[in-house]
Amino acid sequence: PVLSHHENWDGTGYPRGLRGREIPLAARIIRVAESFDAMVRSGTGSTMTRDLALEEIRSQAGISLDPDVVRVFLEIIGEPPVGSSDGENL
């Protein structure tokens, strides 16, 4: 899974160009968590607010991030789902 955590849902990642469910589930989960952590952790040079980081996570669902993993991540942290800014599905 660690080898695959830079693969993108749309197949544009590396090192093997895997796409969608070809990417191991553990790697897809790590990718979402690591992405969010990197955005909000101070000292990374590009620290975002939590809200801005969540907006970016939502925007990457189906592109670089597994949309199902993003949905579960947002549910776990008590945030509105993908495609929603106010808690209603668009």
PDB file of N, CA and C in Angstrom:
ATOM      1  N   PRO A   1       0.797  -1.214   0.000  1.00  0.00           N
ATOM      2  CA  PRO A   1       0.000   0.000   0.000  1.00  0.00           C
ATOM      3  C   PRO A   1       0.841   1.281   0.000  1.00  0.00           C
ATOM      4  N   VAL A   2       1.950   1.269   0.735  1.00  0.00           N
ATOM      5  CA  VAL A   2       2.758   2.484   0.806  1.00  0.00           C
ATOM      6  C   VAL A   2       3.293   2.861  -0.571  1.00  0.00           C
ATOM      7  N   LEU A   3       3.688   1.879  -1.351  1.00  0.00           N
ATOM      8  CA  LEU A   3       4.195   2.139  -2.695  1.00  0.00           C
ATOM      9  C   LEU A   3       3.143   2.830  -3.562  1.00  0.00           C
ATOM     10  N   SER A   4       1.889   2.576  -3.304  1.00  0.00           N
ATOM     11  CA  SER A   4       0.806   3.070  -4.162  1.00  0.00           C
ATOM     12  C   SER A   4       0.113   4.323  -3.651  1.00  0.00           C
ATOM     13  N   HIS A   5       0.561   4.922  -2.566  1.00  0.00           N
ATOM     14  CA  HIS A   5      -0.206   6.035  -2.012  1.00  0.00           C
ATOM     15  C   HIS A   5      -0.071   7.343  -2.787  1.00  0.00           C
ATOM     16  N   HIS A   6       0.725   7.347  -3.858  1.00  0.00           N
ATOM     17  CA  HIS A   6       0.778   8.514  -4.745  1.00  0.00           C
ATOM     18  C   HIS A   6       0.101   8.252  -6.085  1.00  0.00           C
ATOM     19  N   GLU A   7      -0.605   7.126  -6.164  1.00  0.00           N
ATOM     20  CA  GLU A   7      -1.402   6.862  -7.360  1.00  0.00           C
ATOM     21  C   GLU A   7      -2.660   7.729  -7.285  1.00  0.00           C
ATOM     22  N   ASN A   8      -3.102   8.219  -8.421  1.00  0.00           N
ATOM     23  CA  ASN A   8      -4.310   9.047  -8.481  1.00  0.00           C
ATOM     24  C   ASN A   8      -5.494   8.226  -8.957  1.00  0.00           C
ATOM     25  N   TRP A   9      -6.655   8.527  -8.422  1.00  0.00           N
ATOM     26  CA  TRP A   9      -7.890   7.839  -8.776  1.00  0.00           C
ATOM     27  C   TRP A   9      -8.079   7.828 -10.296  1.00  0.00           C
ATOM     28  N   ASP A  10      -7.699   8.922 -10.975  1.00  0.00           N
ATOM     29  CA  ASP A  10      -7.905   9.012 -12.426  1.00  0.00           C
ATOM     30  C   ASP A  10      -6.774   8.383 -13.241  1.00  0.00           C
ATOM     31  N   GLY A  11      -5.786   7.777 -12.575  1.00  0.00           N
ATOM     32  CA  GLY A  11      -4.708   7.081 -13.273  1.00  0.00           C
ATOM     33  C   GLY A  11      -3.493   7.915 -13.602  1.00  0.00           C
ATOM     34  N   THR A  12      -3.468   9.167 -13.171  1.00  0.00           N
ATOM     35  CA  THR A  12      -2.345  10.044 -13.515  1.00  0.00           C
ATOM     36  C   THR A  12      -1.236  10.057 -12.476  1.00  0.00           C
ATOM     37  N   GLY A  13      -1.327   9.220 -11.457  1.00  0.00           N
ATOM     38  CA  GLY A  13      -0.323   9.232 -10.393  1.00  0.00           C
ATOM     39  C   GLY A  13       0.889   8.374 -10.718  1.00  0.00           C
ATOM     40  N   TYR A  14       1.662   8.100  -9.694  1.00  0.00           N
ATOM     41  CA  TYR A  14       2.877   7.295  -9.852  1.00  0.00           C
ATOM     42  C   TYR A  14       3.025   6.381  -8.650  1.00  0.00           C
ATOM     43  N   PRO A  15       3.793   5.350  -8.696  1.00  0.00           N
ATOM     44  CA  PRO A  15       4.809   5.019  -9.700  1.00  0.00           C
ATOM     45  C   PRO A  15       4.296   4.159 -10.857  1.00  0.00           C
ATOM     46  N   ARG A  16       3.098   3.552 -10.741  1.00  0.00           N
ATOM     47  CA  ARG A  16       2.675   2.603 -11.770  1.00  0.00           C
ATOM     48  C   ARG A  16       1.498   3.064 -12.613  1.00  0.00           C
ATOM     49  N   GLY A  17       0.955   4.225 -12.333  1.00  0.00           N
ATOM     50  CA  GLY A  17      -0.176   4.720 -13.107  1.00  0.00           C
ATOM     51  C   GLY A  17      -1.451   3.920 -12.900  1.00  0.00           C
ATOM     52  N   LEU A  18      -1.611   3.370 -11.688  1.00  0.00           N
ATOM     53  CA  LEU A  18      -2.839   2.635 -11.375  1.00  0.00           C
ATOM     54  C   LEU A  18      -4.008   3.613 -11.326  1.00  0.00           C
ATOM     55  N   ARG A  19      -5.208   3.093 -11.552  1.00  0.00           N
ATOM     56  CA  ARG A  19      -6.384   3.960 -11.501  1.00  0.00           C
ATOM     57  C   ARG A  19      -7.511   3.260 -10.760  1.00  0.00           C
ATOM     58  N   GLY A  20      -8.362   4.066 -10.141  1.00  0.00           N
ATOM     59  CA  GLY A  20      -9.557   3.555  -9.483  1.00  0.00           C
ATOM     60  C   GLY A  20      -9.270   2.429  -8.514  1.00  0.00           C
ATOM     61  N   ARG A  21     -10.052   1.375  -8.616  1.00  0.00           N
ATOM     62  CA  ARG A  21      -9.950   0.260  -7.679  1.00  0.00           C
ATOM     63  C   ARG A  21      -8.725  -0.623  -7.907  1.00  0.00           C
ATOM     64  N   GLU A  22      -7.927  -0.327  -8.929  1.00  0.00           N
ATOM     65  CA  GLU A  22      -6.633  -1.010  -9.078  1.00  0.00           C
ATOM     66  C   GLU A  22      -5.703  -0.624  -7.927  1.00  0.00           C
ATOM     67  N   ILE A  23      -5.919   0.560  -7.369  1.00  0.00           N
ATOM     68  CA  ILE A  23      -5.107   1.057  -6.255  1.00  0.00           C
ATOM     69  C   ILE A  23      -5.568   0.342  -4.992  1.00  0.00           C
ATOM     70  N   PRO A  24      -4.646  -0.247  -4.230  1.00  0.00           N
ATOM     71  CA  PRO A  24      -5.067  -0.929  -2.997  1.00  0.00           C
ATOM     72  C   PRO A  24      -5.842   0.014  -2.076  1.00  0.00           C
ATOM     73  N   LEU A  25      -6.891  -0.513  -1.445  1.00  0.00           N
ATOM     74  CA  LEU A  25      -7.737   0.298  -0.567  1.00  0.00           C
ATOM     75  C   LEU A  25      -6.915   1.005   0.508  1.00  0.00           C
ATOM     76  N   ALA A  26      -5.989   0.313   1.130  1.00  0.00           N
ATOM     77  CA  ALA A  26      -5.172   0.942   2.175  1.00  0.00           C
ATOM     78  C   ALA A  26      -4.436   2.155   1.625  1.00  0.00           C
ATOM     79  N   ALA A  27      -3.937   2.082   0.408  1.00  0.00           N
ATOM     80  CA  ALA A  27      -3.232   3.209  -0.206  1.00  0.00           C
ATOM     81  C   ALA A  27      -4.181   4.371  -0.459  1.00  0.00           C
ATOM     82  N   ARG A  28      -5.423   4.067  -0.850  1.00  0.00           N
ATOM     83  CA  ARG A  28      -6.412   5.123  -1.095  1.00  0.00           C
ATOM     84  C   ARG A  28      -6.776   5.838   0.205  1.00  0.00           C
ATOM     85  N   ILE A  29      -6.848   5.087   1.291  1.00  0.00           N
ATOM     86  CA  ILE A  29      -7.138   5.677   2.605  1.00  0.00           C
ATOM     87  C   ILE A  29      -5.964   6.532   3.065  1.00  0.00           C
ATOM     88  N   ILE A  30      -4.759   5.989   2.947  1.00  0.00           N
ATOM     89  CA  ILE A  30      -3.551   6.738   3.327  1.00  0.00           C
ATOM     90  C   ILE A  30      -3.475   8.032   2.540  1.00  0.00           C
ATOM     91  N   ARG A  31      -3.811   7.979   1.252  1.00  0.00           N
ATOM     92  CA  ARG A  31      -3.717   9.162   0.393  1.00  0.00           C
ATOM     93  C   ARG A  31      -4.597  10.301   0.907  1.00  0.00           C
ATOM     94  N   VAL A  32      -5.828   9.992   1.287  1.00  0.00           N
ATOM     95  CA  VAL A  32      -6.733  11.030   1.784  1.00  0.00           C
ATOM     96  C   VAL A  32      -6.209  11.593   3.107  1.00  0.00           C
ATOM     97  N   ALA A  33      -5.853  10.719   4.027  1.00  0.00           N
ATOM     98  CA  ALA A  33      -5.375  11.169   5.338  1.00  0.00           C
ATOM     99  C   ALA A  33      -4.083  11.963   5.217  1.00  0.00           C
ATOM    100  N   GLU A  34      -3.152  11.481   4.411  1.00  0.00           N
ATOM    101  CA  GLU A  34      -1.869  12.164   4.247  1.00  0.00           C
ATOM    102  C   GLU A  34      -2.057  13.506   3.553  1.00  0.00           C
ATOM    103  N   SER A  35      -2.944  13.559   2.585  1.00  0.00           N
ATOM    104  CA  SER A  35      -3.205  14.822   1.884  1.00  0.00           C
ATOM    105  C   SER A  35      -3.750  15.873   2.845  1.00  0.00           C
ATOM    106  N   PHE A  36      -4.752  15.487   3.627  1.00  0.00           N
ATOM    107  CA  PHE A  36      -5.331  16.425   4.585  1.00  0.00           C
ATOM    108  C   PHE A  36      -4.279  16.870   5.606  1.00  0.00           C
ATOM    109  N   ASP A  37      -3.536  15.925   6.139  1.00  0.00           N
ATOM    110  CA  ASP A  37      -2.505  16.253   7.122  1.00  0.00           C
ATOM    111  C   ASP A  37      -1.473  17.227   6.550  1.00  0.00           C
ATOM    112  N   ALA A  38      -1.022  16.973   5.336  1.00  0.00           N
ATOM    113  CA  ALA A  38      -0.023  17.843   4.718  1.00  0.00           C
ATOM    114  C   ALA A  38      -0.553  19.264   4.516  1.00  0.00           C
ATOM    115  N   MET A  39      -1.848  19.381   4.247  1.00  0.00           N
ATOM    116  CA  MET A  39      -2.429  20.708   4.022  1.00  0.00           C
ATOM    117  C   MET A  39      -2.559  21.522   5.301  1.00  0.00           C
ATOM    118  N   VAL A  40      -2.834  20.869   6.409  1.00  0.00           N
ATOM    119  CA  VAL A  40      -3.107  21.613   7.648  1.00  0.00           C
ATOM    120  C   VAL A  40      -1.934  21.652   8.626  1.00  0.00           C
ATOM    121  N   ARG A  41      -0.933  20.818   8.425  1.00  0.00           N
ATOM    122  CA  ARG A  41       0.195  20.757   9.359  1.00  0.00           C
ATOM    123  C   ARG A  41       1.077  21.988   9.189  1.00  0.00           C
ATOM    124  N   SER A  42       1.349  22.646  10.292  1.00  0.00           N
ATOM    125  CA  SER A  42       2.238  23.804  10.225  1.00  0.00           C
ATOM    126  C   SER A  42       3.665  23.325   9.962  1.00  0.00           C
ATOM    127  N   GLY A  43       4.428  24.168   9.313  1.00  0.00           N
ATOM    128  CA  GLY A  43       5.803  23.832   9.004  1.00  0.00           C
ATOM    129  C   GLY A  43       5.974  23.207   7.630  1.00  0.00           C
ATOM    130  N   THR A  44       4.881  23.024   6.892  1.00  0.00           N
ATOM    131  CA  THR A  44       4.996  22.429   5.558  1.00  0.00           C
ATOM    132  C   THR A  44       5.190  23.492   4.487  1.00  0.00           C
ATOM    133  N   GLY A  45       5.072  24.751   4.840  1.00  0.00           N
ATOM    134  CA  GLY A  45       5.257  25.826   3.882  1.00  0.00           C
ATOM    135  C   GLY A  45       3.985  26.224   3.149  1.00  0.00           C
ATOM    136  N   SER A  46       2.959  25.396   3.212  1.00  0.00           N
ATOM    137  CA  SER A  46       1.706  25.722   2.524  1.00  0.00           C
ATOM    138  C   SER A  46       0.514  25.401   3.418  1.00  0.00           C
ATOM    139  N   THR A  47       0.608  25.801   4.665  1.00  0.00           N
ATOM    140  CA  THR A  47      -0.447  25.497   5.624  1.00  0.00           C
ATOM    141  C   THR A  47      -1.760  26.168   5.220  1.00  0.00           C
ATOM    142  N   MET A  48      -2.831  25.389   5.223  1.00  0.00           N
ATOM    143  CA  MET A  48      -4.172  25.885   4.917  1.00  0.00           C
ATOM    144  C   MET A  48      -5.012  25.829   6.188  1.00  0.00           C
ATOM    145  N   THR A  49      -6.076  26.598   6.182  1.00  0.00           N
ATOM    146  CA  THR A  49      -7.053  26.438   7.253  1.00  0.00           C
ATOM    147  C   THR A  49      -7.735  25.088   7.073  1.00  0.00           C
ATOM    148  N   ARG A  50      -8.352  24.605   8.113  1.00  0.00           N
ATOM    149  CA  ARG A  50      -9.071  23.334   8.048  1.00  0.00           C
ATOM    150  C   ARG A  50     -10.152  23.392   6.971  1.00  0.00           C
ATOM    151  N   ASP A  51     -10.913  24.484   6.939  1.00  0.00           N
ATOM    152  CA  ASP A  51     -11.997  24.611   5.962  1.00  0.00           C
ATOM    153  C   ASP A  51     -11.477  24.606   4.523  1.00  0.00           C
ATOM    154  N   LEU A  52     -10.386  25.312   4.280  1.00  0.00           N
ATOM    155  CA  LEU A  52      -9.810  25.342   2.938  1.00  0.00           C
ATOM    156  C   LEU A  52      -9.272  23.965   2.545  1.00  0.00           C
ATOM    157  N   ALA A  53      -8.645  23.277   3.497  1.00  0.00           N
ATOM    158  CA  ALA A  53      -8.138  21.929   3.235  1.00  0.00           C
ATOM    159  C   ALA A  53      -9.293  20.978   2.910  1.00  0.00           C
ATOM    160  N   LEU A  54     -10.389  21.079   3.641  1.00  0.00           N
ATOM    161  CA  LEU A  54     -11.547  20.228   3.370  1.00  0.00           C
ATOM    162  C   LEU A  54     -12.153  20.543   2.001  1.00  0.00           C
ATOM    163  N   GLU A  55     -12.158  21.804   1.628  1.00  0.00           N
ATOM    164  CA  GLU A  55     -12.640  22.191   0.298  1.00  0.00           C
ATOM    165  C   GLU A  55     -11.759  21.547  -0.782  1.00  0.00           C
ATOM    166  N   GLU A  56     -10.463  21.550  -0.562  1.00  0.00           N
ATOM    167  CA  GLU A  56      -9.533  20.935  -1.514  1.00  0.00           C
ATOM    168  C   GLU A  56      -9.728  19.421  -1.577  1.00  0.00           C
ATOM    169  N   ILE A  57      -9.916  18.790  -0.432  1.00  0.00           N
ATOM    170  CA  ILE A  57     -10.177  17.339  -0.405  1.00  0.00           C
ATOM    171  C   ILE A  57     -11.442  17.047  -1.215  1.00  0.00           C
ATOM    172  N   ARG A  58     -12.501  17.812  -0.983  1.00  0.00           N
ATOM    173  CA  ARG A  58     -13.751  17.610  -1.738  1.00  0.00           C
ATOM    174  C   ARG A  58     -13.516  17.778  -3.237  1.00  0.00           C
ATOM    175  N   SER A  59     -12.737  18.785  -3.608  1.00  0.00           N
ATOM    176  CA  SER A  59     -12.523  19.073  -5.031  1.00  0.00           C
ATOM    177  C   SER A  59     -11.709  17.979  -5.720  1.00  0.00           C
ATOM    178  N   GLN A  60     -10.930  17.221  -4.973  1.00  0.00           N
ATOM    179  CA  GLN A  60     -10.096  16.171  -5.555  1.00  0.00           C
ATOM    180  C   GLN A  60     -10.773  14.800  -5.576  1.00  0.00           C
ATOM    181  N   ALA A  61     -11.967  14.707  -5.009  1.00  0.00           N
ATOM    182  CA  ALA A  61     -12.713  13.448  -5.043  1.00  0.00           C
ATOM    183  C   ALA A  61     -13.027  13.087  -6.493  1.00  0.00           C
ATOM    184  N   GLY A  62     -12.594  11.928  -6.923  1.00  0.00           N
ATOM    185  CA  GLY A  62     -12.812  11.490  -8.288  1.00  0.00           C
ATOM    186  C   GLY A  62     -11.709  11.893  -9.242  1.00  0.00           C
ATOM    187  N   ILE A  63     -10.769  12.691  -8.778  1.00  0.00           N
ATOM    188  CA  ILE A  63      -9.618  13.099  -9.597  1.00  0.00           C
ATOM    189  C   ILE A  63      -8.376  12.406  -9.051  1.00  0.00           C
ATOM    190  N   SER A  64      -7.852  12.927  -7.942  1.00  0.00           N
ATOM    191  CA  SER A  64      -6.694  12.272  -7.332  1.00  0.00           C
ATOM    192  C   SER A  64      -7.097  11.376  -6.166  1.00  0.00           C
ATOM    193  N   LEU A  65      -8.280  11.602  -5.613  1.00  0.00           N
ATOM    194  CA  LEU A  65      -8.714  10.859  -4.434  1.00  0.00           C
ATOM    195  C   LEU A  65      -9.949  10.011  -4.728  1.00  0.00           C
ATOM    196  N   ASP A  66     -10.006   8.852  -4.092  1.00  0.00           N
ATOM    197  CA  ASP A  66     -11.156   7.956  -4.210  1.00  0.00           C
ATOM    198  C   ASP A  66     -12.377   8.657  -3.615  1.00  0.00           C
ATOM    199  N   PRO A  67     -13.424   8.887  -4.405  1.00  0.00           N
ATOM    200  CA  PRO A  67     -14.597   9.604  -3.885  1.00  0.00           C
ATOM    201  C   PRO A  67     -15.282   8.890  -2.722  1.00  0.00           C
ATOM    202  N   ASP A  68     -15.247   7.563  -2.701  1.00  0.00           N
ATOM    203  CA  ASP A  68     -15.855   6.831  -1.581  1.00  0.00           C
ATOM    204  C   ASP A  68     -15.062   7.014  -0.298  1.00  0.00           C
ATOM    205  N   VAL A  69     -13.743   7.020  -0.419  1.00  0.00           N
ATOM    206  CA  VAL A  69     -12.894   7.238   0.765  1.00  0.00           C
ATOM    207  C   VAL A  69     -13.069   8.668   1.261  1.00  0.00           C
ATOM    208  N   VAL A  70     -13.153   9.625   0.359  1.00  0.00           N
ATOM    209  CA  VAL A  70     -13.385  11.016   0.762  1.00  0.00           C
ATOM    210  C   VAL A  70     -14.716  11.133   1.492  1.00  0.00           C
ATOM    211  N   ARG A  71     -15.754  10.485   0.966  1.00  0.00           N
ATOM    212  CA  ARG A  71     -17.083  10.537   1.604  1.00  0.00           C
ATOM    213  C   ARG A  71     -17.018  10.002   3.030  1.00  0.00           C
ATOM    214  N   VAL A  72     -16.366   8.870   3.226  1.00  0.00           N
ATOM    215  CA  VAL A  72     -16.259   8.277   4.560  1.00  0.00           C
ATOM    216  C   VAL A  72     -15.400   9.161   5.465  1.00  0.00           C
ATOM    217  N   PHE A  73     -14.312   9.692   4.942  1.00  0.00           N
ATOM    218  CA  PHE A  73     -13.462  10.609   5.710  1.00  0.00           C
ATOM    219  C   PHE A  73     -14.287  11.793   6.215  1.00  0.00           C
ATOM    220  N   LEU A  74     -15.073  12.393   5.338  1.00  0.00           N
ATOM    221  CA  LEU A  74     -15.896  13.542   5.729  1.00  0.00           C
ATOM    222  C   LEU A  74     -16.956  13.147   6.754  1.00  0.00           C
ATOM    223  N   GLU A  75     -17.555  11.983   6.588  1.00  0.00           N
ATOM    224  CA  GLU A  75     -18.532  11.499   7.567  1.00  0.00           C
ATOM    225  C   GLU A  75     -17.892  11.325   8.941  1.00  0.00           C
ATOM    226  N   ILE A  76     -16.712  10.719   8.959  1.00  0.00           N
ATOM    227  CA  ILE A  76     -16.024  10.449  10.222  1.00  0.00           C
ATOM    228  C   ILE A  76     -15.714  11.743  10.976  1.00  0.00           C
ATOM    229  N   ILE A  77     -15.323  12.769  10.235  1.00  0.00           N
ATOM    230  CA  ILE A  77     -14.978  14.026  10.925  1.00  0.00           C
ATOM    231  C   ILE A  77     -16.168  14.973  11.057  1.00  0.00           C
ATOM    232  N   GLY A  78     -17.356  14.511  10.628  1.00  0.00           N
ATOM    233  CA  GLY A  78     -18.578  15.286  10.829  1.00  0.00           C
ATOM    234  C   GLY A  78     -18.748  16.447   9.877  1.00  0.00           C
ATOM    235  N   GLU A  79     -18.282  16.280   8.642  1.00  0.00           N
ATOM    236  CA  GLU A  79     -18.378  17.340   7.640  1.00  0.00           C
ATOM    237  C   GLU A  79     -19.410  16.991   6.579  1.00  0.00           C
ATOM    238  N   PRO A  80     -19.930  18.007   5.872  1.00  0.00           N
ATOM    239  CA  PRO A  80     -20.870  17.750   4.788  1.00  0.00           C
ATOM    240  C   PRO A  80     -20.202  16.909   3.695  1.00  0.00           C
ATOM    241  N   PRO A  81     -20.993  16.149   2.955  1.00  0.00           N
ATOM    242  CA  PRO A  81     -20.448  15.259   1.932  1.00  0.00           C
ATOM    243  C   PRO A  81     -19.884  15.999   0.716  1.00  0.00           C
ATOM    244  N   VAL A  82     -19.251  15.246  -0.162  1.00  0.00           N
ATOM    245  CA  VAL A  82     -18.723  15.777  -1.411  1.00  0.00           C
ATOM    246  C   VAL A  82     -19.856  16.401  -2.195  1.00  0.00           C
ATOM    247  N   GLY A  83     -19.587  17.547  -2.840  1.00  0.00           N
ATOM    248  CA  GLY A  83     -20.616  18.202  -3.629  1.00  0.00           C
ATOM    249  C   GLY A  83     -21.556  19.045  -2.807  1.00  0.00           C
ATOM    250  N   SER A  84     -21.194  19.292  -1.541  1.00  0.00           N
ATOM    251  CA  SER A  84     -22.078  20.033  -0.655  1.00  0.00           C
ATOM    252  C   SER A  84     -21.280  21.062   0.115  1.00  0.00           C
ATOM    253  N   SER A  85     -21.840  22.222   0.265  1.00  0.00           N
ATOM    254  CA  SER A  85     -21.208  23.234   1.096  1.00  0.00           C
ATOM    255  C   SER A  85     -22.033  23.515   2.342  1.00  0.00           C
ATOM    256  N   ASP A  86     -23.268  23.017   2.362  1.00  0.00           N
ATOM    257  CA  ASP A  86     -24.134  23.307   3.497  1.00  0.00           C
ATOM    258  C   ASP A  86     -24.788  22.065   4.074  1.00  0.00           C
ATOM    259  N   GLY A  87     -24.263  20.903   3.717  1.00  0.00           N
ATOM    260  CA  GLY A  87     -24.806  19.675   4.265  1.00  0.00           C
ATOM    261  C   GLY A  87     -25.839  19.005   3.386  1.00  0.00           C
ATOM    262  N   GLU A  88     -26.267  19.663   2.305  1.00  0.00           N
ATOM    263  CA  GLU A  88     -27.216  19.054   1.386  1.00  0.00           C
ATOM    264  C   GLU A  88     -26.464  18.617   0.141  1.00  0.00           C
ATOM    265  N   ASN A  89     -26.821  17.449  -0.381  1.00  0.00           N
ATOM    266  CA  ASN A  89     -26.204  16.998  -1.623  1.00  0.00           C
ATOM    267  C   ASN A  89     -26.689  17.876  -2.766  1.00  0.00           C
ATOM    268  N   LEU A  90     -25.762  18.242  -3.624  1.00  0.00           N
ATOM    269  CA  LEU A  90     -26.115  19.075  -4.784  1.00  0.00           C
ATOM    270  C   LEU A  90     -26.504  18.216  -5.944  1.00  0.00           C
TER     271      LEU A  90
END
